[in-house]
């Protein structure tokens, strides 16, 4: 299969018209980069996990697309999630989760990184409202899994550790957690090419 055919298959996988031109993707094909094949295989692999239902996979992908501010992928994964049974309330909560975690990841990364001899930032209250975490529409386990995936992408060690412990307490297996983070990493990479 040629790289051009692989590109067209990737566009089809994403629900995009085969005539849709994406500059970075065209650069890869024009430069005869075999990475186009890797990108397609990686995406198909993470969206068909044994440990994530299709709706969950598309909602997790949507959360990363929102986090990455990628409108094309936001639209794609939102439609795919809806086709897999996601309701508008679940789509909205996915956006909310991405926004909340963008906030928390900056704040808690700061608290984790800062080394100060003249202050005690750890003792100061966060004063960041997080009511959405109490009774999420997505269910507590999926919301925590999504929070973990976003935190991994954003590189917040404290948040990753907290959400990983929480999602494990809620019954998630290591394989499910691993697949969610793998999905997040692939969608993050995809978002740099498909814009």
Protein backbone atom coordinates (compact mmCIF):
# COMPACT_ATOMS: atom_id res chain seq x y z
CA UNK A 1 0.00 0.00 0.00
CA UNK A 2 1.37 3.43 -0.94
CA UNK A 3 1.73 6.26 1.55
CA UNK A 4 -0.93 8.17 -0.38
CA UNK A 5 -3.36 5.27 0.11
CA UNK A 6 -2.45 5.09 3.81
CA UNK A 7 -3.10 8.83 4.14
CA UNK A 8 -6.52 8.43 2.51
CA UNK A 9 -7.32 5.51 4.83
CA UNK A 10 -6.31 7.61 7.85
CA UNK A 11 -8.59 10.42 6.70
CA UNK A 12 -11.42 7.89 6.31
CA UNK A 13 -10.70 6.48 9.78
CA UNK A 14 -11.07 10.01 11.14
CA UNK A 15 -14.33 10.56 9.26
CA UNK A 16 -12.77 13.22 7.04
CA UNK A 17 -13.35 13.69 3.34
CA UNK A 18 -10.53 12.15 1.30
CA UNK A 19 -10.06 15.49 -0.42
CA UNK A 20 -9.33 17.16 2.92
CA UNK A 21 -5.83 18.64 2.81
CA UNK A 22 -3.77 18.64 5.98
CA UNK A 23 -0.43 20.36 5.47
CA UNK A 24 1.60 18.29 7.96
CA UNK A 25 0.17 15.03 6.63
CA UNK A 26 0.94 16.12 3.05
CA UNK A 27 4.51 16.94 4.17
CA UNK A 28 4.94 13.42 5.54
CA UNK A 29 3.57 11.81 2.37
CA UNK A 30 5.58 14.14 0.12
CA UNK A 31 8.74 13.34 2.07
CA UNK A 32 8.08 9.61 1.74
CA UNK A 33 7.90 9.24 5.54
CA UNK A 34 6.85 5.78 6.64
CA UNK A 35 5.59 7.41 9.83
CA UNK A 36 2.24 7.86 8.08
CA UNK A 37 1.76 4.09 8.36
CA UNK A 38 2.82 4.09 12.02
CA UNK A 39 0.41 6.91 12.77
CA UNK A 40 -2.53 5.05 11.24
CA UNK A 41 -1.66 1.72 12.89
CA UNK A 42 -1.11 3.38 16.27
CA UNK A 43 -4.44 5.22 16.10
CA UNK A 44 -6.39 2.12 15.08
CA UNK A 45 -4.67 0.14 17.84
CA UNK A 46 -5.51 2.52 20.66
CA UNK A 47 -9.11 3.02 19.58
CA UNK A 48 -9.78 -0.74 19.62
CA UNK A 49 -8.60 -1.64 23.10
CA UNK A 50 -9.64 -4.80 24.94
CA UNK A 51 -9.91 -2.69 28.10
CA UNK A 52 -11.86 0.34 26.86
CA UNK A 53 -15.33 0.36 25.34
CA UNK A 54 -15.52 2.27 22.02
CA UNK A 55 -17.46 5.12 23.62
CA UNK A 56 -14.86 5.40 26.38
CA UNK A 57 -12.00 5.38 23.88
CA UNK A 58 -13.57 8.15 21.79
CA UNK A 59 -14.36 10.24 24.89
CA UNK A 60 -10.78 9.87 26.09
CA UNK A 61 -9.53 10.84 22.62
CA UNK A 62 -11.88 13.83 22.68
CA UNK A 63 -10.51 14.93 26.06
CA UNK A 64 -6.98 14.95 24.67
CA UNK A 65 -8.08 16.78 21.51
CA UNK A 66 -9.72 19.45 23.72
CA UNK A 67 -6.58 19.63 25.85
CA UNK A 68 -4.49 20.07 22.70
CA UNK A 69 -6.86 22.73 21.28
CA UNK A 70 -7.22 20.74 18.07
CA UNK A 71 -10.58 21.69 16.50
CA UNK A 72 -10.37 19.12 13.73
CA UNK A 73 -9.84 16.25 16.16
CA UNK A 74 -12.38 17.67 18.63
CA UNK A 75 -15.03 17.49 15.91
CA UNK A 76 -13.91 14.04 14.76
CA UNK A 77 -13.83 12.42 18.20
CA UNK A 78 -17.00 14.13 19.33
CA UNK A 79 -18.87 12.65 16.36
CA UNK A 80 -17.29 9.23 16.87
CA UNK A 81 -18.23 9.31 20.57
CA UNK A 82 -21.83 10.21 19.68
CA UNK A 83 -21.94 7.38 17.12
CA UNK A 84 -20.78 5.06 19.93
CA UNK A 85 -23.61 6.15 22.22
CA UNK A 86 -22.24 9.18 24.08
CA UNK A 87 -24.81 11.78 25.04
CA UNK A 88 -24.43 15.55 24.89
CA UNK A 89 -24.01 15.56 28.69
CA UNK A 90 -21.03 13.18 28.41
CA UNK A 91 -19.48 15.27 25.62
CA UNK A 92 -19.93 18.42 27.71
CA UNK A 93 -18.41 16.77 30.77
CA UNK A 94 -15.41 15.66 28.71
CA UNK A 95 -14.79 19.31 27.79
CA UNK A 96 -15.24 20.29 31.44
CA UNK A 97 -12.82 17.60 32.60
CA UNK A 98 -10.15 18.80 30.14
CA UNK A 99 -10.58 22.38 31.35
CA UNK A 100 -10.48 21.46 35.03
CA UNK A 101 -7.39 19.31 34.56
CA UNK A 102 -5.61 22.04 32.60
CA UNK A 103 -6.20 24.23 35.66
CA UNK A 104 -5.21 21.60 38.23
CA UNK A 105 -2.17 20.41 36.30
CA UNK A 106 -0.64 23.89 36.30
CA UNK A 107 -1.47 24.53 39.95
CA UNK A 108 -0.35 21.18 41.36
CA UNK A 109 2.71 21.02 39.12
CA UNK A 110 3.74 24.39 40.62
CA UNK A 111 3.19 23.09 44.16
CA UNK A 112 5.20 19.98 43.34
CA UNK A 113 8.09 21.82 41.66
CA UNK A 114 8.54 24.80 43.93
CA UNK A 115 11.36 24.73 46.42
CA UNK A 116 11.11 27.74 48.66
CA UNK A 117 12.88 28.61 51.88
CA UNK A 118 10.68 31.65 52.49
CA UNK A 119 7.16 30.29 52.02
CA UNK A 120 4.92 27.32 52.64
CA UNK A 121 2.84 26.94 49.49
CA UNK A 122 1.84 23.41 50.50
CA UNK A 123 -0.16 24.75 53.45
CA UNK A 124 -2.14 27.28 51.43
CA UNK A 125 -5.61 26.18 50.27
CA UNK A 126 -6.10 25.67 46.53
CA UNK A 127 -9.43 27.53 46.38
CA UNK A 128 -10.16 25.93 43.01
CA UNK A 129 -13.73 24.64 42.68
CA UNK A 130 -13.86 21.00 41.60
CA UNK A 131 -17.50 20.08 42.27
CA UNK A 132 -17.73 18.27 38.94
CA UNK A 133 -15.48 15.54 40.39
CA UNK A 134 -18.00 14.65 43.11
CA UNK A 135 -20.72 13.09 40.92
CA UNK A 136 -19.58 13.04 37.30
CA UNK A 137 -22.01 12.11 34.53
CA UNK A 138 -19.29 9.87 33.09
CA UNK A 139 -19.10 7.92 36.33
CA UNK A 140 -16.32 8.32 38.86
CA UNK A 141 -14.00 5.68 37.41
CA UNK A 142 -14.07 7.01 33.82
CA UNK A 143 -13.78 10.60 35.01
CA UNK A 144 -10.71 9.68 37.08
CA UNK A 145 -9.26 7.69 34.16
CA UNK A 146 -9.76 10.70 31.88
CA UNK A 147 -8.17 12.96 34.52
CA UNK A 148 -5.20 10.61 34.69
CA UNK A 149 -4.77 10.56 30.90
CA UNK A 150 -4.89 14.36 30.64
CA UNK A 151 -2.48 14.73 33.57
CA UNK A 152 -0.04 12.34 31.88
CA UNK A 153 -0.15 14.42 28.69
CA UNK A 154 0.35 17.63 30.68
CA UNK A 155 3.22 16.17 32.70
CA UNK A 156 1.87 16.74 36.22
CA UNK A 157 3.55 14.07 38.35
CA UNK A 158 1.52 14.84 41.48
CA UNK A 159 -1.75 14.66 39.51
CA UNK A 160 -0.76 11.45 37.72
CA UNK A 161 0.03 9.76 41.02
CA UNK A 162 -3.19 10.97 42.69
CA UNK A 163 -5.47 9.99 39.79
CA UNK A 164 -3.73 6.65 39.24
CA UNK A 165 -4.27 5.75 42.91
CA UNK A 166 -7.89 6.89 42.74
CA UNK A 167 -8.72 5.00 39.55
CA UNK A 168 -7.09 1.85 40.97
CA UNK A 169 -9.20 2.19 44.14
CA UNK A 170 -12.25 2.40 41.89
CA UNK A 171 -11.37 -0.99 40.39
CA UNK A 172 -9.51 -0.18 37.16
CA UNK A 173 -6.91 -2.72 36.11
CA UNK A 174 -3.35 -1.80 35.19
CA UNK A 175 -4.13 -2.86 31.61
CA UNK A 176 -7.09 -0.44 31.43
CA UNK A 177 -5.00 2.41 32.85
CA UNK A 178 -2.12 1.59 30.50
CA UNK A 179 -4.45 1.56 27.46
CA UNK A 180 -5.96 4.92 28.43
CA UNK A 181 -2.55 6.56 28.77
CA UNK A 182 -1.32 4.92 25.55
CA UNK A 183 -4.40 6.28 23.78
CA UNK A 184 -3.70 9.75 25.20
CA UNK A 185 -0.10 9.65 23.99
CA UNK A 186 -1.08 8.60 20.46
CA UNK A 187 -3.79 11.25 20.19
CA UNK A 188 -1.31 13.85 21.46
CA UNK A 189 1.10 12.86 18.67
CA UNK A 190 -1.71 12.75 16.11
CA UNK A 191 -2.75 16.27 17.11
CA UNK A 192 0.61 17.61 15.94
CA UNK A 193 0.04 16.21 12.44
CA UNK A 194 -3.73 16.37 11.92
CA UNK A 195 -4.77 19.99 12.48
